[in-house]
Amino acid sequence: MDKRKASRIYEALLKRYPDAHCALHYSTALELLFATILSAQATDVGVNKATPKLFDAFPTVQDYANASPEEIEPYIASIGLFRSKAKSIHTSASMIINEFNGKVPNTMEGLLRLRGVARKTANVVLGNAFHKNEGVVVDTHVGRLAQRFSLSKETTPVKIEKDLMALFPQENWTMLSHLLVRHGREVCKKRGGSCEQDSICKRYCSNATI
């Protein structure tokens, strides 16, 4: 894959989905951080159903820090691994208070210090809350399409991200993940997609029968 072909794929997806955006609902960097922590091994739809009551119950980072994990649990009990995630939210809130002056860190290094935050979560927060393109979010959709579009032959998120970062301009990294996720959800699905009838897939996707 060369950069010219990668650019054509990007432009085709952008034309198809000009309004592509983060599917998690949030209004602050803190809300996005905790929503993204909750989204690990869970659906965005499920997270979005749970977070309104969670955010209402704990409007500030200090409210999370003052609560115990057990007090947070009932608000996220519908989400997988909720006990572990409640601990991550509580610990991260305490760290934000004690180590970051009550503000969600806006650097990769700072975010990775928080419990429950790996590179994917940090990229979501940096790209969407702070508009900083530090990397490409690689979830299951992005990983699948990166392979089907021959953007990467790798199988691990870190290596796939490295390939994507090499192919696309840095200013497009956040939007790239939104576009690939949107296309993966609507067309180029793991199973039962419509690749064979889709113009983008027919041109670029190995899953389509040409």
C-alpha atoms as a PDB file:
ATOM      1  CA  MET A   1       0.000   0.000   0.000  1.00  0.00           C
ATOM      2  CA  ASP A   2       1.366   3.405  -0.950  1.00  0.00           C
ATOM      3  CA  LYS A   3       0.341   6.775   0.412  1.00  0.00           C
ATOM      4  CA  ARG A   4      -1.483   7.727  -2.801  1.00  0.00           C
ATOM      5  CA  LYS A   5      -3.816   4.745  -2.561  1.00  0.00           C
ATOM      6  CA  ALA A   6      -4.270   5.337   1.164  1.00  0.00           C
ATOM      7  CA  SER A   7      -5.229   8.926   0.358  1.00  0.00           C
ATOM      8  CA  ARG A   8      -7.833   7.761  -2.164  1.00  0.00           C
ATOM      9  CA  ILE A   9      -9.370   5.447   0.426  1.00  0.00           C
ATOM     10  CA  TYR A  10      -9.477   8.265   2.966  1.00  0.00           C
ATOM     11  CA  GLU A  11     -11.106  10.696   0.540  1.00  0.00           C
ATOM     12  CA  ALA A  12     -13.704   8.115  -0.518  1.00  0.00           C
ATOM     13  CA  LEU A  13     -14.629   7.419   3.094  1.00  0.00           C
ATOM     14  CA  LEU A  14     -14.695  11.110   3.974  1.00  0.00           C
ATOM     15  CA  LYS A  15     -17.034  11.831   1.070  1.00  0.00           C
ATOM     16  CA  ARG A  16     -19.307   8.994   2.228  1.00  0.00           C
ATOM     17  CA  TYR A  17     -19.231   9.907   5.936  1.00  0.00           C
ATOM     18  CA  PRO A  18     -18.429  13.630   6.286  1.00  0.00           C
ATOM     19  CA  ASP A  19     -20.095  13.686   9.702  1.00  0.00           C
ATOM     20  CA  ALA A  20     -18.184  10.734  11.166  1.00  0.00           C
ATOM     21  CA  HIS A  21     -17.449  11.323  14.841  1.00  0.00           C
ATOM     22  CA  CYS A  22     -16.882   9.655  18.186  1.00  0.00           C
ATOM     23  CA  ALA A  23     -19.919   7.516  19.007  1.00  0.00           C
ATOM     24  CA  LEU A  24     -19.560   7.919  22.770  1.00  0.00           C
ATOM     25  CA  HIS A  25     -21.687  10.645  24.344  1.00  0.00           C
ATOM     26  CA  TYR A  26     -19.817  13.198  26.445  1.00  0.00           C
ATOM     27  CA  SER A  27     -19.607  16.906  27.150  1.00  0.00           C
ATOM     28  CA  THR A  28     -16.240  17.152  28.931  1.00  0.00           C
ATOM     29  CA  ALA A  29     -12.833  15.515  28.736  1.00  0.00           C
ATOM     30  CA  LEU A  30     -13.551  13.755  32.035  1.00  0.00           C
ATOM     31  CA  GLU A  31     -16.795  12.282  30.728  1.00  0.00           C
ATOM     32  CA  LEU A  32     -15.064  11.069  27.570  1.00  0.00           C
ATOM     33  CA  LEU A  33     -12.233   9.550  29.586  1.00  0.00           C
ATOM     34  CA  PHE A  34     -14.573   7.543  31.788  1.00  0.00           C
ATOM     35  CA  ALA A  35     -16.894   6.610  28.912  1.00  0.00           C
ATOM     36  CA  THR A  36     -13.897   5.267  27.003  1.00  0.00           C
ATOM     37  CA  ILE A  37     -12.691   3.284  30.018  1.00  0.00           C
ATOM     38  CA  LEU A  38     -16.172   1.783  30.237  1.00  0.00           C
ATOM     39  CA  SER A  39     -16.209   0.948  26.522  1.00  0.00           C
ATOM     40  CA  ALA A  40     -13.469  -1.681  26.804  1.00  0.00           C
ATOM     41  CA  GLN A  41     -15.057  -5.026  25.843  1.00  0.00           C
ATOM     42  CA  ALA A  42     -18.448  -3.296  25.727  1.00  0.00           C
ATOM     43  CA  THR A  43     -20.524  -1.604  23.050  1.00  0.00           C
ATOM     44  CA  ASP A  44     -20.762   2.154  22.659  1.00  0.00           C
ATOM     45  CA  VAL A  45     -24.549   1.784  22.714  1.00  0.00           C
ATOM     46  CA  GLY A  46     -24.413   0.047  26.074  1.00  0.00           C
ATOM     47  CA  VAL A  47     -22.043   2.656  27.486  1.00  0.00           C
ATOM     48  CA  ASN A  48     -24.213   5.506  26.253  1.00  0.00           C
ATOM     49  CA  LYS A  49     -27.218   4.004  28.027  1.00  0.00           C
ATOM     50  CA  ALA A  50     -25.373   3.884  31.345  1.00  0.00           C
ATOM     51  CA  THR A  51     -23.387   7.119  31.399  1.00  0.00           C
ATOM     52  CA  PRO A  52     -26.180   9.735  31.700  1.00  0.00           C
ATOM     53  CA  LYS A  53     -27.079   8.577  35.224  1.00  0.00           C
ATOM     54  CA  LEU A  54     -23.402   8.107  36.088  1.00  0.00           C
ATOM     55  CA  PHE A  55     -22.508  11.617  34.958  1.00  0.00           C
ATOM     56  CA  ASP A  56     -25.501  13.087  36.796  1.00  0.00           C
ATOM     57  CA  ALA A  57     -24.561  11.312  40.026  1.00  0.00           C
ATOM     58  CA  PHE A  58     -20.906  12.389  39.853  1.00  0.00           C
ATOM     59  CA  PRO A  59     -20.737  15.791  38.143  1.00  0.00           C
ATOM     60  CA  THR A  60     -17.102  16.559  39.103  1.00  0.00           C
ATOM     61  CA  VAL A  61     -13.869  14.628  39.349  1.00  0.00           C
ATOM     62  CA  GLN A  62     -13.881  15.289  43.086  1.00  0.00           C
ATOM     63  CA  ASP A  63     -17.257  13.535  43.376  1.00  0.00           C
ATOM     64  CA  TYR A  64     -15.743  10.383  41.840  1.00  0.00           C
ATOM     65  CA  ALA A  65     -12.716  10.599  44.103  1.00  0.00           C
ATOM     66  CA  ASN A  66     -14.877  11.058  47.193  1.00  0.00           C
ATOM     67  CA  ALA A  67     -16.992   8.029  46.326  1.00  0.00           C
ATOM     68  CA  SER A  68     -15.926   4.428  46.757  1.00  0.00           C
ATOM     69  CA  PRO A  69     -15.786   1.993  43.853  1.00  0.00           C
ATOM     70  CA  GLU A  70     -18.769   0.235  45.417  1.00  0.00           C
ATOM     71  CA  GLU A  71     -20.777   3.456  45.207  1.00  0.00           C
ATOM     72  CA  ILE A  72     -19.923   3.809  41.515  1.00  0.00           C
ATOM     73  CA  GLU A  73     -20.737   0.201  40.632  1.00  0.00           C
ATOM     74  CA  PRO A  74     -24.565   0.428  40.557  1.00  0.00           C
ATOM     75  CA  TYR A  75     -24.440   3.065  37.821  1.00  0.00           C
ATOM     76  CA  ILE A  76     -22.370   0.864  35.497  1.00  0.00           C
ATOM     77  CA  ALA A  77     -23.596  -2.603  36.493  1.00  0.00           C
ATOM     78  CA  SER A  78     -25.058  -3.151  33.028  1.00  0.00           C
ATOM     79  CA  ILE A  79     -21.566  -2.967  31.517  1.00  0.00           C
ATOM     80  CA  GLY A  80     -19.138  -5.880  31.416  1.00  0.00           C
ATOM     81  CA  LEU A  81     -16.308  -5.948  33.981  1.00  0.00           C
ATOM     82  CA  PHE A  82     -18.096  -3.203  35.903  1.00  0.00           C
ATOM     83  CA  ARG A  83     -16.363  -3.876  39.225  1.00  0.00           C
ATOM     84  CA  SER A  84     -12.908  -3.515  37.734  1.00  0.00           C
ATOM     85  CA  LYS A  85     -14.001  -0.469  35.767  1.00  0.00           C
ATOM     86  CA  ALA A  86     -15.459   1.158  38.881  1.00  0.00           C
ATOM     87  CA  LYS A  87     -12.057   0.783  40.525  1.00  0.00           C
ATOM     88  CA  SER A  88     -10.371   2.258  37.466  1.00  0.00           C
ATOM     89  CA  ILE A  89     -12.709   5.256  37.486  1.00  0.00           C
ATOM     90  CA  HIS A  90     -12.217   5.856  41.199  1.00  0.00           C
ATOM     91  CA  THR A  91      -8.441   5.453  41.100  1.00  0.00           C
ATOM     92  CA  SER A  92      -8.094   7.610  37.998  1.00  0.00           C
ATOM     93  CA  ALA A  93     -10.239  10.349  39.547  1.00  0.00           C
ATOM     94  CA  SER A  94      -8.054  10.327  42.650  1.00  0.00           C
ATOM     95  CA  MET A  95      -4.912  10.524  40.515  1.00  0.00           C
ATOM     96  CA  ILE A  96      -6.343  13.425  38.509  1.00  0.00           C
ATOM     97  CA  ILE A  97      -6.998  15.287  41.763  1.00  0.00           C
ATOM     98  CA  ASN A  98      -3.648  14.485  43.397  1.00  0.00           C
ATOM     99  CA  GLU A  99      -1.268  14.486  40.441  1.00  0.00           C
ATOM    100  CA  PHE A 100      -2.857  16.620  37.728  1.00  0.00           C
ATOM    101  CA  ASN A 101      -4.437  19.492  39.674  1.00  0.00           C
ATOM    102  CA  GLY A 102      -7.931  18.197  39.017  1.00  0.00           C
ATOM    103  CA  LYS A 103      -7.592  18.341  35.236  1.00  0.00           C
ATOM    104  CA  VAL A 104      -7.648  15.406  32.824  1.00  0.00           C
ATOM    105  CA  PRO A 105      -4.088  15.184  31.465  1.00  0.00           C
ATOM    106  CA  ASN A 106      -3.775  16.245  27.845  1.00  0.00           C
ATOM    107  CA  THR A 107      -0.632  14.285  27.015  1.00  0.00           C
ATOM    108  CA  MET A 108      -0.115  10.647  26.099  1.00  0.00           C
ATOM    109  CA  GLU A 109       2.340  10.208  28.956  1.00  0.00           C
ATOM    110  CA  GLY A 110      -0.054  11.642  31.508  1.00  0.00           C
ATOM    111  CA  LEU A 111      -3.084   9.674  30.356  1.00  0.00           C
ATOM    112  CA  LEU A 112      -1.198   6.384  30.331  1.00  0.00           C
ATOM    113  CA  ARG A 113      -0.472   6.823  34.017  1.00  0.00           C
ATOM    114  CA  LEU A 114      -4.172   6.539  34.833  1.00  0.00           C
ATOM    115  CA  ARG A 115      -5.688   3.199  35.767  1.00  0.00           C
ATOM    116  CA  GLY A 116      -7.649   1.561  32.973  1.00  0.00           C
ATOM    117  CA  VAL A 117      -6.046   3.709  30.271  1.00  0.00           C
ATOM    118  CA  ALA A 118      -4.020   2.138  27.476  1.00  0.00           C
ATOM    119  CA  ARG A 119      -2.964   3.745  24.216  1.00  0.00           C
ATOM    120  CA  LYS A 120      -6.344   3.281  22.536  1.00  0.00           C
ATOM    121  CA  THR A 121      -8.191   5.120  25.314  1.00  0.00           C
ATOM    122  CA  ALA A 122      -5.557   7.846  25.396  1.00  0.00           C
ATOM    123  CA  ASN A 123      -5.887   8.357  21.631  1.00  0.00           C
ATOM    124  CA  VAL A 124      -9.670   8.698  21.946  1.00  0.00           C
ATOM    125  CA  VAL A 125      -9.358  11.352  24.638  1.00  0.00           C
ATOM    126  CA  LEU A 126      -6.516  13.263  22.996  1.00  0.00           C
ATOM    127  CA  GLY A 127      -8.099  13.266  19.551  1.00  0.00           C
ATOM    128  CA  ASN A 128     -11.661  14.106  20.520  1.00  0.00           C
ATOM    129  CA  ALA A 129     -11.468  16.107  23.752  1.00  0.00           C
ATOM    130  CA  PHE A 130      -8.212  17.939  23.059  1.00  0.00           C
ATOM    131  CA  HIS A 131      -8.044  17.797  19.240  1.00  0.00           C
ATOM    132  CA  LYS A 132      -4.518  16.393  19.375  1.00  0.00           C
ATOM    133  CA  ASN A 133      -3.566  13.772  16.802  1.00  0.00           C
ATOM    134  CA  GLU A 134      -1.092  11.684  18.762  1.00  0.00           C
ATOM    135  CA  GLY A 135      -2.063   8.370  17.173  1.00  0.00           C
ATOM    136  CA  VAL A 136      -4.807   6.330  15.519  1.00  0.00           C
ATOM    137  CA  VAL A 137      -7.474   4.587  17.574  1.00  0.00           C
ATOM    138  CA  VAL A 138      -7.387   0.916  16.620  1.00  0.00           C
ATOM    139  CA  ASP A 139     -10.487  -0.974  17.711  1.00  0.00           C
ATOM    140  CA  THR A 140     -11.881  -4.159  16.187  1.00  0.00           C
ATOM    141  CA  HIS A 141     -13.396  -2.290  13.225  1.00  0.00           C
ATOM    142  CA  VAL A 142     -10.237  -0.341  12.442  1.00  0.00           C
ATOM    143  CA  GLY A 143      -8.099  -3.443  12.740  1.00  0.00           C
ATOM    144  CA  ARG A 144     -10.397  -5.438  10.445  1.00  0.00           C
ATOM    145  CA  LEU A 145     -10.607  -2.760   7.765  1.00  0.00           C
ATOM    146  CA  ALA A 146      -6.898  -2.008   7.913  1.00  0.00           C
ATOM    147  CA  GLN A 147      -6.310  -5.596   6.838  1.00  0.00           C
ATOM    148  CA  ARG A 148      -9.133  -5.772   4.295  1.00  0.00           C
ATOM    149  CA  PHE A 149      -8.039  -2.495   2.673  1.00  0.00           C
ATOM    150  CA  SER A 150      -4.417  -3.739   2.684  1.00  0.00           C
ATOM    151  CA  LEU A 151      -3.400  -0.827   4.890  1.00  0.00           C
ATOM    152  CA  SER A 152      -1.611  -3.239   7.215  1.00  0.00           C
ATOM    153  CA  LYS A 153      -0.678  -6.887   7.337  1.00  0.00           C
ATOM    154  CA  GLU A 154      -0.222  -6.783  11.103  1.00  0.00           C
ATOM    155  CA  THR A 155      -2.601  -8.311  13.626  1.00  0.00           C
ATOM    156  CA  THR A 156      -1.836  -6.425  16.849  1.00  0.00           C
ATOM    157  CA  PRO A 157      -3.298  -2.950  17.510  1.00  0.00           C
ATOM    158  CA  VAL A 158       0.084  -1.370  18.221  1.00  0.00           C
ATOM    159  CA  LYS A 159       1.601  -2.580  14.951  1.00  0.00           C
ATOM    160  CA  ILE A 160      -1.525  -1.748  12.944  1.00  0.00           C
ATOM    161  CA  GLU A 161      -1.500   1.755  14.407  1.00  0.00           C
ATOM    162  CA  LYS A 162       2.143   2.191  13.432  1.00  0.00           C
ATOM    163  CA  ASP A 163       1.344   1.221   9.825  1.00  0.00           C
ATOM    164  CA  LEU A 164      -1.615   3.607   9.650  1.00  0.00           C
ATOM    165  CA  MET A 165       0.406   6.467  11.098  1.00  0.00           C
ATOM    166  CA  ALA A 166       2.999   5.930   8.375  1.00  0.00           C
ATOM    167  CA  LEU A 167       0.407   6.010   5.583  1.00  0.00           C
ATOM    168  CA  PHE A 168      -1.790   8.949   6.572  1.00  0.00           C
ATOM    169  CA  PRO A 169      -0.997  12.587   7.464  1.00  0.00           C
ATOM    170  CA  GLN A 170      -0.975  13.234  11.191  1.00  0.00           C
ATOM    171  CA  GLU A 171      -3.772  15.788  10.981  1.00  0.00           C
ATOM    172  CA  ASN A 172      -6.084  13.034   9.685  1.00  0.00           C
ATOM    173  CA  TRP A 173      -5.393  10.361  12.300  1.00  0.00           C
ATOM    174  CA  THR A 174      -8.410  11.006  14.524  1.00  0.00           C
ATOM    175  CA  MET A 175     -10.828  11.320  11.628  1.00  0.00           C
ATOM    176  CA  LEU A 176      -9.349   8.227   9.980  1.00  0.00           C
ATOM    177  CA  SER A 177     -10.408   6.071  12.908  1.00  0.00           C
ATOM    178  CA  HIS A 178     -13.920   7.567  12.851  1.00  0.00           C
ATOM    179  CA  LEU A 179     -14.239   6.832   9.134  1.00  0.00           C
ATOM    180  CA  LEU A 180     -13.020   3.249   9.400  1.00  0.00           C
ATOM    181  CA  VAL A 181     -15.260   2.560  12.402  1.00  0.00           C
ATOM    182  CA  ARG A 182     -18.294   3.989  10.606  1.00  0.00           C
ATOM    183  CA  HIS A 183     -17.662   1.954   7.458  1.00  0.00           C
ATOM    184  CA  GLY A 184     -16.972  -1.150   9.516  1.00  0.00           C
ATOM    185  CA  ARG A 185     -20.233  -0.812  11.388  1.00  0.00           C
ATOM    186  CA  GLU A 186     -22.431   0.008   8.424  1.00  0.00           C
ATOM    187  CA  VAL A 187     -20.918  -1.896   5.488  1.00  0.00           C
ATOM    188  CA  CYS A 188     -17.695  -3.847   5.946  1.00  0.00           C
ATOM    189  CA  LYS A 189     -18.857  -5.910   8.905  1.00  0.00           C
ATOM    190  CA  LYS A 190     -17.162  -8.927  10.430  1.00  0.00           C
ATOM    191  CA  ARG A 191     -20.042 -11.062   9.194  1.00  0.00           C
ATOM    192  CA  GLY A 192     -23.079 -10.308   7.089  1.00  0.00           C
ATOM    193  CA  GLY A 193     -21.816  -7.084   5.576  1.00  0.00           C
ATOM    194  CA  SER A 194     -22.623  -5.644   2.166  1.00  0.00           C
ATOM    195  CA  CYS A 195     -19.104  -5.401   0.737  1.00  0.00           C
ATOM    196  CA  GLU A 196     -20.057  -6.994  -2.567  1.00  0.00           C
ATOM    197  CA  GLN A 197     -22.589  -4.244  -3.312  1.00  0.00           C
ATOM    198  CA  ASP A 198     -20.582  -1.315  -1.959  1.00  0.00           C
ATOM    199  CA  SER A 199     -18.577   0.899  -4.315  1.00  0.00           C
ATOM    200  CA  ILE A 200     -15.754   1.564  -1.851  1.00  0.00           C
ATOM    201  CA  CYS A 201     -15.385  -2.065  -0.868  1.00  0.00           C
ATOM    202  CA  LYS A 202     -15.577  -3.271  -4.462  1.00  0.00           C
ATOM    203  CA  ARG A 203     -12.610  -1.072  -5.277  1.00  0.00           C
ATOM    204  CA  TYR A 204     -10.437  -1.486  -2.180  1.00  0.00           C
ATOM    205  CA  CYS A 205     -11.678  -4.269   0.113  1.00  0.00           C
ATOM    206  CA  SER A 206     -10.372  -7.824  -0.086  1.00  0.00           C
ATOM    207  CA  ASN A 207     -13.673  -9.029   1.388  1.00  0.00           C
ATOM    208  CA  ALA A 208     -15.614  -8.006  -1.709  1.00  0.00           C
ATOM    209  CA  THR A 209     -16.039 -10.268  -4.711  1.00  0.00           C
ATOM    210  CA  ILE A 210     -14.969  -8.270  -7.749  1.00  0.00           C
END
